[in-house]
Amino acid sequence: MTAAMIRVRPARAEDVPALCAFLNEIIRIGGTTAHETPFTDESFVSHFLAGPGFVSCFVAEDGSGQPCAFQGLERSGGLPEDWADIGTFARPHAKRPGSGTALFAATKAHARDAGLTAINATIRADNIAGLAYYSKMGFTDYKVDKAVPLKDGLSVDRISKRYWLGEA
């Protein structure tokens, strides 16, 4: 299945329980997200759908119309004003190939329309799949934060990649 055949749309309030459930499963499994504390439906909404830095949140649907992945974009401190941070999450089981590519097409178009010049992705160095995904989407490395401590005491480098929106 190609990315063009995957339905992508803005996230809606009724998606929150499903999105929150699979994000919390990703957090529980560990190793692929900087998030370490599970979300409630309310904290999910305030972080991904209605926070002060909110830019967008898109959902990819599986064949039955259920959310299988989502991608959020938000402005945050520490970045230039015309940049935003991106986060991409796919349910751990029954992934839908091409959903990440389809999500990024929607996010990239929205970011350009919002007047952003770049998108930042900061990925744990031990998240090999995440690093590969963002590289495949055209992000390039520009910074490494060494030995960022996790709640369990483990230290993990964080690699920041950027995507210039002037690019194709």
N, C-alpha and C. Protein backbone atom coordinates (compact mmCIF):
# COMPACT_ATOMS: atom_id res chain seq x y z
N MET A 1 0.85 -1.17 0.00
CA MET A 1 0.00 0.00 0.00
C MET A 1 0.89 1.23 0.00
N THR A 2 0.56 2.19 -0.82
CA THR A 2 1.35 3.40 -0.91
C THR A 2 0.84 4.45 0.06
N ALA A 3 1.71 5.42 0.35
CA ALA A 3 1.32 6.51 1.24
C ALA A 3 0.12 7.27 0.68
N ALA A 4 0.00 7.34 -0.65
CA ALA A 4 -1.10 8.08 -1.26
C ALA A 4 -2.44 7.43 -0.95
N MET A 5 -2.46 6.13 -0.63
CA MET A 5 -3.71 5.45 -0.34
C MET A 5 -4.07 5.46 1.14
N ILE A 6 -3.25 6.06 1.95
CA ILE A 6 -3.51 6.14 3.38
C ILE A 6 -4.25 7.43 3.67
N ARG A 7 -5.35 7.32 4.39
CA ARG A 7 -6.14 8.50 4.73
C ARG A 7 -5.50 9.21 5.90
N VAL A 8 -5.19 10.50 5.71
CA VAL A 8 -4.63 11.35 6.76
C VAL A 8 -5.58 12.52 6.95
N ARG A 9 -5.83 12.85 8.20
CA ARG A 9 -6.74 13.95 8.52
C ARG A 9 -6.31 14.58 9.84
N PRO A 10 -6.82 15.80 10.12
CA PRO A 10 -6.52 16.39 11.42
C PRO A 10 -7.08 15.52 12.56
N ALA A 11 -6.37 15.46 13.65
CA ALA A 11 -6.84 14.73 14.83
C ALA A 11 -8.09 15.39 15.37
N ARG A 12 -8.98 14.57 15.90
CA ARG A 12 -10.24 15.04 16.49
C ARG A 12 -10.34 14.56 17.93
N ALA A 13 -11.20 15.20 18.68
CA ALA A 13 -11.37 14.85 20.10
C ALA A 13 -11.70 13.37 20.27
N GLU A 14 -12.48 12.80 19.38
CA GLU A 14 -12.86 11.39 19.53
C GLU A 14 -11.68 10.44 19.28
N ASP A 15 -10.58 10.93 18.73
CA ASP A 15 -9.38 10.10 18.52
C ASP A 15 -8.55 9.96 19.79
N VAL A 16 -8.74 10.86 20.74
CA VAL A 16 -7.85 10.94 21.89
C VAL A 16 -7.70 9.62 22.64
N PRO A 17 -8.77 8.90 22.99
CA PRO A 17 -8.55 7.64 23.72
C PRO A 17 -7.65 6.65 22.98
N ALA A 18 -7.83 6.49 21.68
CA ALA A 18 -7.00 5.55 20.92
C ALA A 18 -5.57 6.04 20.82
N LEU A 19 -5.38 7.34 20.52
CA LEU A 19 -4.03 7.88 20.39
C LEU A 19 -3.29 7.81 21.72
N CYS A 20 -3.98 8.17 22.76
CA CYS A 20 -3.38 8.14 24.10
C CYS A 20 -3.01 6.71 24.48
N ALA A 21 -3.87 5.76 24.16
CA ALA A 21 -3.60 4.35 24.51
C ALA A 21 -2.35 3.84 23.81
N PHE A 22 -2.21 4.10 22.51
CA PHE A 22 -1.02 3.54 21.88
C PHE A 22 0.23 4.35 22.21
N LEU A 23 0.12 5.64 22.49
CA LEU A 23 1.29 6.39 22.95
C LEU A 23 1.74 5.86 24.32
N ASN A 24 0.78 5.60 25.20
CA ASN A 24 1.14 5.07 26.51
C ASN A 24 1.77 3.68 26.40
N GLU A 25 1.34 2.88 25.42
CA GLU A 25 1.96 1.58 25.21
C GLU A 25 3.42 1.76 24.75
N ILE A 26 3.65 2.73 23.88
CA ILE A 26 5.02 3.04 23.43
C ILE A 26 5.88 3.45 24.62
N ILE A 27 5.33 4.29 25.49
CA ILE A 27 6.06 4.73 26.69
C ILE A 27 6.37 3.53 27.58
N ARG A 28 5.38 2.65 27.76
CA ARG A 28 5.56 1.47 28.62
C ARG A 28 6.64 0.55 28.06
N ILE A 29 6.65 0.33 26.74
CA ILE A 29 7.65 -0.52 26.11
C ILE A 29 9.04 0.10 26.27
N GLY A 30 9.13 1.43 26.09
CA GLY A 30 10.38 2.17 26.29
C GLY A 30 11.32 2.10 25.10
N GLY A 31 12.27 3.03 25.08
CA GLY A 31 13.34 3.01 24.11
C GLY A 31 13.12 3.79 22.83
N THR A 32 11.90 4.29 22.59
CA THR A 32 11.68 4.99 21.32
C THR A 32 11.04 6.36 21.48
N THR A 33 10.85 6.82 22.68
CA THR A 33 10.30 8.16 22.86
C THR A 33 10.97 8.84 24.05
N ALA A 34 11.05 10.15 23.98
CA ALA A 34 11.57 10.92 25.10
C ALA A 34 10.52 11.03 26.21
N HIS A 35 9.25 10.79 25.86
CA HIS A 35 8.20 10.82 26.88
C HIS A 35 8.39 9.63 27.82
N GLU A 36 8.35 9.90 29.11
CA GLU A 36 8.54 8.84 30.09
C GLU A 36 7.34 8.68 31.01
N THR A 37 6.47 9.66 31.04
CA THR A 37 5.30 9.64 31.91
C THR A 37 4.05 9.40 31.06
N PRO A 38 3.24 8.40 31.41
CA PRO A 38 2.01 8.15 30.64
C PRO A 38 1.09 9.38 30.63
N PHE A 39 0.33 9.47 29.58
CA PHE A 39 -0.62 10.57 29.40
C PHE A 39 -2.01 10.14 29.84
N THR A 40 -2.75 11.08 30.40
CA THR A 40 -4.19 10.93 30.55
C THR A 40 -4.80 11.54 29.30
N ASP A 41 -6.08 11.31 29.08
CA ASP A 41 -6.72 11.94 27.92
C ASP A 41 -6.56 13.46 28.00
N GLU A 42 -6.70 14.01 29.20
CA GLU A 42 -6.61 15.46 29.37
C GLU A 42 -5.19 15.97 29.10
N SER A 43 -4.19 15.28 29.61
CA SER A 43 -2.82 15.75 29.38
C SER A 43 -2.42 15.55 27.91
N PHE A 44 -2.98 14.53 27.26
CA PHE A 44 -2.74 14.34 25.83
C PHE A 44 -3.28 15.53 25.05
N VAL A 45 -4.52 15.91 25.33
CA VAL A 45 -5.13 17.05 24.64
C VAL A 45 -4.30 18.30 24.84
N SER A 46 -3.88 18.58 26.08
CA SER A 46 -3.15 19.81 26.33
C SER A 46 -1.76 19.78 25.70
N HIS A 47 -1.18 18.61 25.51
CA HIS A 47 0.15 18.53 24.89
C HIS A 47 0.09 18.51 23.36
N PHE A 48 -0.82 17.73 22.80
CA PHE A 48 -0.82 17.50 21.36
C PHE A 48 -1.89 18.24 20.57
N LEU A 49 -2.96 18.68 21.24
CA LEU A 49 -4.08 19.25 20.49
C LEU A 49 -4.47 20.67 20.85
N ALA A 50 -4.05 21.14 22.00
CA ALA A 50 -4.55 22.45 22.42
C ALA A 50 -3.56 23.26 23.24
N GLY A 51 -2.32 22.86 23.27
CA GLY A 51 -1.34 23.58 24.06
C GLY A 51 -0.99 24.91 23.45
N PRO A 52 -0.29 25.76 24.18
CA PRO A 52 0.04 27.09 23.67
C PRO A 52 0.92 27.09 22.42
N GLY A 53 1.69 26.03 22.21
CA GLY A 53 2.55 25.96 21.04
C GLY A 53 1.96 25.16 19.89
N PHE A 54 0.70 24.73 20.04
CA PHE A 54 0.07 23.86 19.03
C PHE A 54 0.15 24.44 17.62
N VAL A 55 0.61 23.61 16.69
CA VAL A 55 0.61 23.97 15.27
C VAL A 55 -0.31 23.01 14.52
N SER A 56 -0.11 21.70 14.72
CA SER A 56 -0.96 20.72 14.04
C SER A 56 -0.82 19.35 14.70
N CYS A 57 -1.81 18.51 14.43
CA CYS A 57 -1.73 17.10 14.80
C CYS A 57 -2.56 16.35 13.76
N PHE A 58 -1.89 15.50 13.01
CA PHE A 58 -2.55 14.71 11.97
C PHE A 58 -2.56 13.24 12.36
N VAL A 59 -3.61 12.55 11.91
CA VAL A 59 -3.82 11.13 12.19
C VAL A 59 -3.83 10.37 10.87
N ALA A 60 -3.17 9.21 10.86
CA ALA A 60 -3.28 8.27 9.75
C ALA A 60 -4.23 7.16 10.20
N GLU A 61 -5.13 6.77 9.31
CA GLU A 61 -6.12 5.73 9.63
C GLU A 61 -5.74 4.41 8.99
N ASP A 62 -6.08 3.32 9.68
CA ASP A 62 -5.90 2.00 9.09
C ASP A 62 -7.09 1.70 8.17
N GLY A 63 -7.15 0.52 7.62
CA GLY A 63 -8.21 0.16 6.68
C GLY A 63 -9.61 0.21 7.25
N SER A 64 -9.73 0.12 8.57
CA SER A 64 -11.06 0.17 9.20
C SER A 64 -11.41 1.57 9.69
N GLY A 65 -10.56 2.55 9.38
CA GLY A 65 -10.83 3.93 9.78
C GLY A 65 -10.36 4.27 11.18
N GLN A 66 -9.61 3.37 11.81
CA GLN A 66 -9.10 3.62 13.16
C GLN A 66 -7.72 4.27 13.08
N PRO A 67 -7.39 5.16 14.01
CA PRO A 67 -6.06 5.76 14.03
C PRO A 67 -4.98 4.69 14.20
N CYS A 68 -3.96 4.75 13.34
CA CYS A 68 -2.83 3.82 13.47
C CYS A 68 -1.53 4.56 13.71
N ALA A 69 -1.53 5.88 13.50
CA ALA A 69 -0.34 6.69 13.73
C ALA A 69 -0.77 8.14 13.82
N PHE A 70 0.07 8.95 14.47
CA PHE A 70 -0.20 10.38 14.48
C PHE A 70 1.10 11.14 14.52
N GLN A 71 1.01 12.41 14.12
CA GLN A 71 2.18 13.27 14.07
C GLN A 71 1.78 14.65 14.55
N GLY A 72 2.47 15.12 15.58
CA GLY A 72 2.19 16.44 16.13
C GLY A 72 3.31 17.42 15.84
N LEU A 73 2.93 18.68 15.73
CA LEU A 73 3.88 19.75 15.48
C LEU A 73 3.56 20.87 16.46
N GLU A 74 4.59 21.32 17.18
CA GLU A 74 4.38 22.39 18.15
C GLU A 74 5.59 23.31 18.23
N ARG A 75 5.31 24.57 18.49
CA ARG A 75 6.38 25.53 18.77
C ARG A 75 6.79 25.35 20.22
N SER A 76 8.09 25.48 20.46
CA SER A 76 8.55 25.32 21.83
C SER A 76 9.74 26.23 22.09
N GLY A 77 10.01 26.47 23.35
CA GLY A 77 11.16 27.28 23.73
C GLY A 77 12.45 26.61 23.28
N GLY A 78 13.44 27.41 23.07
CA GLY A 78 14.73 26.88 22.68
C GLY A 78 14.93 26.75 21.18
N LEU A 79 13.88 26.99 20.42
CA LEU A 79 13.98 26.95 18.96
C LEU A 79 13.69 28.34 18.40
N PRO A 80 14.19 28.63 17.22
CA PRO A 80 13.81 29.90 16.59
C PRO A 80 12.28 30.00 16.45
N GLU A 81 11.78 31.23 16.43
CA GLU A 81 10.33 31.45 16.41
C GLU A 81 9.64 30.83 15.21
N ASP A 82 10.34 30.70 14.09
CA ASP A 82 9.72 30.16 12.89
C ASP A 82 10.04 28.68 12.67
N TRP A 83 10.39 27.99 13.75
CA TRP A 83 10.61 26.55 13.74
C TRP A 83 9.55 25.89 14.63
N ALA A 84 9.36 24.58 14.45
CA ALA A 84 8.49 23.81 15.34
C ALA A 84 9.10 22.42 15.54
N ASP A 85 8.76 21.82 16.67
CA ASP A 85 9.16 20.44 16.99
C ASP A 85 8.14 19.47 16.44
N ILE A 86 8.61 18.33 15.99
CA ILE A 86 7.75 17.28 15.46
C ILE A 86 7.87 16.04 16.33
N GLY A 87 6.78 15.31 16.46
CA GLY A 87 6.77 14.01 17.12
C GLY A 87 5.89 13.08 16.30
N THR A 88 6.36 11.87 16.06
CA THR A 88 5.64 10.90 15.25
C THR A 88 5.50 9.61 16.05
N PHE A 89 4.29 9.08 16.09
CA PHE A 89 4.01 7.90 16.90
C PHE A 89 3.11 6.95 16.12
N ALA A 90 3.49 5.68 16.08
CA ALA A 90 2.69 4.66 15.42
C ALA A 90 2.35 3.59 16.45
N ARG A 91 1.15 3.06 16.35
CA ARG A 91 0.80 2.03 17.33
C ARG A 91 1.82 0.89 17.20
N PRO A 92 2.19 0.31 18.33
CA PRO A 92 3.27 -0.68 18.31
C PRO A 92 2.94 -1.97 17.55
N HIS A 93 1.66 -2.30 17.46
CA HIS A 93 1.26 -3.53 16.79
C HIS A 93 0.39 -3.17 15.59
N ALA A 94 0.44 -3.97 14.57
CA ALA A 94 -0.37 -3.77 13.35
C ALA A 94 -0.07 -2.41 12.72
N LYS A 95 1.22 -2.15 12.53
CA LYS A 95 1.62 -0.89 11.88
C LYS A 95 1.16 -0.90 10.43
N ARG A 96 0.94 0.28 9.91
CA ARG A 96 0.52 0.39 8.51
C ARG A 96 1.66 1.03 7.72
N PRO A 97 2.34 0.26 6.89
CA PRO A 97 3.44 0.81 6.11
C PRO A 97 2.99 2.01 5.27
N GLY A 98 3.82 3.04 5.25
CA GLY A 98 3.51 4.25 4.49
C GLY A 98 2.81 5.32 5.29
N SER A 99 2.36 4.99 6.50
CA SER A 99 1.62 5.99 7.28
C SER A 99 2.52 7.16 7.68
N GLY A 100 3.78 6.90 8.01
CA GLY A 100 4.69 7.98 8.38
C GLY A 100 4.97 8.93 7.23
N THR A 101 5.11 8.39 6.03
CA THR A 101 5.33 9.22 4.85
C THR A 101 4.09 10.07 4.56
N ALA A 102 2.92 9.47 4.67
CA ALA A 102 1.68 10.21 4.42
C ALA A 102 1.47 11.30 5.47
N LEU A 103 1.77 10.98 6.73
CA LEU A 103 1.64 11.98 7.79
C LEU A 103 2.58 13.16 7.54
N PHE A 104 3.82 12.86 7.17
CA PHE A 104 4.78 13.95 7.00
C PHE A 104 4.39 14.85 5.83
N ALA A 105 3.80 14.30 4.78
CA ALA A 105 3.35 15.14 3.67
C ALA A 105 2.32 16.16 4.16
N ALA A 106 1.38 15.72 5.00
CA ALA A 106 0.36 16.63 5.53
C ALA A 106 0.97 17.64 6.49
N THR A 107 1.84 17.18 7.37
CA THR A 107 2.48 18.06 8.36
C THR A 107 3.34 19.11 7.67
N LYS A 108 4.12 18.69 6.69
CA LYS A 108 5.02 19.60 5.97
C LYS A 108 4.20 20.69 5.26
N ALA A 109 3.12 20.32 4.59
CA ALA A 109 2.29 21.30 3.89
C ALA A 109 1.68 22.29 4.89
N HIS A 110 1.20 21.78 6.02
CA HIS A 110 0.60 22.66 7.03
C HIS A 110 1.65 23.60 7.62
N ALA A 111 2.85 23.08 7.87
CA ALA A 111 3.92 23.90 8.43
C ALA A 111 4.28 25.05 7.49
N ARG A 112 4.37 24.76 6.21
CA ARG A 112 4.65 25.82 5.23
C ARG A 112 3.54 26.86 5.25
N ASP A 113 2.28 26.39 5.25
CA ASP A 113 1.15 27.32 5.28
C ASP A 113 1.14 28.17 6.54
N ALA A 114 1.67 27.62 7.64
CA ALA A 114 1.73 28.34 8.92
C ALA A 114 2.91 29.31 8.98
N GLY A 115 3.72 29.35 7.91
CA GLY A 115 4.84 30.29 7.86
C GLY A 115 6.11 29.82 8.53
N LEU A 116 6.20 28.53 8.84
CA LEU A 116 7.42 28.01 9.45
C LEU A 116 8.51 27.85 8.39
N THR A 117 9.76 27.94 8.83
CA THR A 117 10.87 27.75 7.91
C THR A 117 11.59 26.42 8.12
N ALA A 118 11.42 25.81 9.31
CA ALA A 118 12.09 24.55 9.59
C ALA A 118 11.31 23.74 10.62
N ILE A 119 11.53 22.44 10.57
CA ILE A 119 10.96 21.50 11.55
C ILE A 119 12.12 20.80 12.24
N ASN A 120 12.06 20.73 13.55
CA ASN A 120 13.07 20.08 14.37
C ASN A 120 12.53 18.73 14.86
N ALA A 121 13.37 17.71 14.77
CA ALA A 121 13.07 16.42 15.37
C ALA A 121 14.23 16.09 16.30
N THR A 122 13.94 15.86 17.57
CA THR A 122 14.97 15.46 18.51
C THR A 122 14.66 14.03 18.92
N ILE A 123 15.60 13.13 18.63
CA ILE A 123 15.37 11.70 18.75
C ILE A 123 16.43 11.10 19.67
N ARG A 124 15.99 10.17 20.51
CA ARG A 124 16.94 9.43 21.33
C ARG A 124 17.90 8.68 20.42
N ALA A 125 19.18 8.67 20.78
CA ALA A 125 20.19 8.00 19.96
C ALA A 125 19.97 6.49 19.89
N ASP A 126 19.25 5.94 20.87
CA ASP A 126 18.97 4.49 20.85
C ASP A 126 17.69 4.16 20.08
N ASN A 127 17.04 5.15 19.51
CA ASN A 127 15.83 4.94 18.71
C ASN A 127 16.24 4.84 17.23
N ILE A 128 16.75 3.70 16.86
CA ILE A 128 17.29 3.50 15.51
C ILE A 128 16.20 3.69 14.46
N ALA A 129 15.01 3.17 14.70
CA ALA A 129 13.93 3.31 13.73
C ALA A 129 13.52 4.77 13.56
N GLY A 130 13.46 5.52 14.65
CA GLY A 130 13.11 6.93 14.59
C GLY A 130 14.15 7.74 13.83
N LEU A 131 15.42 7.47 14.09
CA LEU A 131 16.48 8.16 13.37
C LEU A 131 16.40 7.87 11.87
N ALA A 132 16.14 6.60 11.53
CA ALA A 132 16.03 6.22 10.11
C ALA A 132 14.82 6.88 9.46
N TYR A 133 13.69 6.93 10.18
CA TYR A 133 12.48 7.55 9.63
C TYR A 133 12.74 9.01 9.27
N TYR A 134 13.26 9.78 10.22
CA TYR A 134 13.45 11.20 9.95
C TYR A 134 14.51 11.43 8.86
N SER A 135 15.53 10.60 8.81
CA SER A 135 16.51 10.71 7.72
C SER A 135 15.82 10.43 6.38
N LYS A 136 14.99 9.40 6.33
CA LYS A 136 14.26 9.06 5.11
C LYS A 136 13.36 10.22 4.66
N MET A 137 12.81 10.98 5.61
CA MET A 137 11.93 12.10 5.28
C MET A 137 12.72 13.32 4.83
N GLY A 138 14.05 13.28 4.94
CA GLY A 138 14.88 14.39 4.47
C GLY A 138 15.46 15.26 5.56
N PHE A 139 15.31 14.87 6.82
CA PHE A 139 15.90 15.61 7.94
C PHE A 139 17.40 15.35 7.97
N THR A 140 18.16 16.36 8.39
CA THR A 140 19.61 16.21 8.53
C THR A 140 20.04 16.57 9.95
N ASP A 141 21.05 15.87 10.43
CA ASP A 141 21.58 16.10 11.78
C ASP A 141 22.18 17.49 11.88
N TYR A 142 21.96 18.15 13.03
CA TYR A 142 22.63 19.42 13.26
C TYR A 142 23.11 19.60 14.69
N LYS A 143 22.72 18.73 15.61
CA LYS A 143 23.14 18.90 17.01
C LYS A 143 22.99 17.58 17.76
N VAL A 144 23.86 17.35 18.72
CA VAL A 144 23.74 16.20 19.62
C VAL A 144 23.84 16.71 21.05
N ASP A 145 22.85 16.36 21.85
CA ASP A 145 22.92 16.63 23.29
C ASP A 145 23.39 15.33 23.94
N LYS A 146 24.55 15.38 24.56
CA LYS A 146 25.17 14.19 25.12
C LYS A 146 24.59 13.81 26.47
N ALA A 147 24.41 12.51 26.65
CA ALA A 147 24.09 11.91 27.96
C ALA A 147 22.94 12.60 28.68
N VAL A 148 21.79 12.69 28.03
CA VAL A 148 20.61 13.26 28.67
C VAL A 148 20.04 12.19 29.60
N PRO A 149 19.90 12.49 30.90
CA PRO A 149 19.45 11.47 31.85
C PRO A 149 17.94 11.19 31.72
N LEU A 150 17.61 9.90 31.83
CA LEU A 150 16.22 9.47 31.89
C LEU A 150 15.82 9.29 33.35
N LYS A 151 14.53 9.10 33.60
CA LYS A 151 14.05 8.94 34.98
C LYS A 151 14.68 7.75 35.69
N ASP A 152 15.01 6.69 34.93
CA ASP A 152 15.59 5.50 35.54
C ASP A 152 17.10 5.61 35.77
N GLY A 153 17.68 6.78 35.45
CA GLY A 153 19.10 6.99 35.66
C GLY A 153 19.96 6.75 34.43
N LEU A 154 19.43 6.06 33.44
CA LEU A 154 20.16 5.83 32.20
C LEU A 154 20.35 7.16 31.48
N SER A 155 21.52 7.34 30.88
CA SER A 155 21.78 8.54 30.09
C SER A 155 21.81 8.16 28.61
N VAL A 156 21.13 8.95 27.79
CA VAL A 156 21.04 8.67 26.36
C VAL A 156 21.26 9.97 25.59
N ASP A 157 22.10 9.90 24.56
CA ASP A 157 22.27 11.07 23.70
C ASP A 157 20.96 11.36 22.98
N ARG A 158 20.74 12.63 22.67
CA ARG A 158 19.60 13.06 21.86
C ARG A 158 20.16 13.72 20.61
N ILE A 159 19.71 13.24 19.47
CA ILE A 159 20.16 13.77 18.18
C ILE A 159 19.07 14.66 17.61
N SER A 160 19.43 15.90 17.31
CA SER A 160 18.47 16.83 16.71
C SER A 160 18.72 16.88 15.21
N LYS A 161 17.62 16.74 14.48
CA LYS A 161 17.65 16.80 13.02
C LYS A 161 16.71 17.91 12.60
N ARG A 162 17.00 18.53 11.47
CA ARG A 162 16.09 19.58 11.00
C ARG A 162 15.72 19.34 9.53
N TYR A 163 14.55 19.84 9.22
CA TYR A 163 14.05 19.80 7.85
C TYR A 163 13.76 21.23 7.45
N TRP A 164 14.46 21.71 6.43
CA TRP A 164 14.22 23.06 5.93
C TRP A 164 13.01 23.02 5.02
N LEU A 165 12.02 23.84 5.31
CA LEU A 165 10.77 23.81 4.56
C LEU A 165 10.87 24.41 3.17
N GLY A 166 11.97 25.04 2.86
CA GLY A 166 12.18 25.53 1.50
C GLY A 166 12.55 24.41 0.54
N GLU A 167 12.86 23.22 1.12
CA GLU A 167 13.25 22.06 0.31
C GLU A 167 12.01 21.41 -0.27
N ALA A 168 12.19 20.62 -1.29
CA ALA A 168 11.07 19.91 -1.93
C ALA A 168 10.43 18.92 -1.03
